[in-house]
Amino acid sequence: QVQLVESGGGLVQAGKSLRLSCAASGRTFNTHAMAWFRQAPGKEREFVVALPWSGSGGMPYYASSVKGRFTVSRDNAKNTVHLQMNMLKPEDTATYYCAAKESPWVSGDESDYDYWGQGTQVTVSS
């Protein structure tokens, strides 16, 4: 089992930045692929970014809507994944969820992920 806890959400103005964190506990963290998804009110949950396991040498995979603005990183020593969000837009407003999957390879399909955090709210005002 892996437990995930997100933090760092809040209310910011458009153009500003926020940094989300996802702290993992439980089973070995660095062999799991990790991802961030988000869900806006009245909309389906959508993929944001996925990060392969730390030993793969693979690069993160970003949704086109956030590429160039968001950066994901992982700190295996602290079992934490961070999502740096820059140049935020009102359309980035959503609840952001951290997810982990047992296999080390990335996926943009939420059904591939085995563990989920409770979510953290991000609100971007115009």
Foldseek 3Di string as FASTA:
>chain_A
DKAKAKDWADEEAAQAKTKMKIAIDDDQQQQKKKFKWWDDPPGDIFGAKIGFRPPPPDDIDGDPVQPPFWDWDADNVRRMIMIIGGRDDQVVWTWMKMFIAPHRDDDRDPVRTDYIYPTDTHGYHD
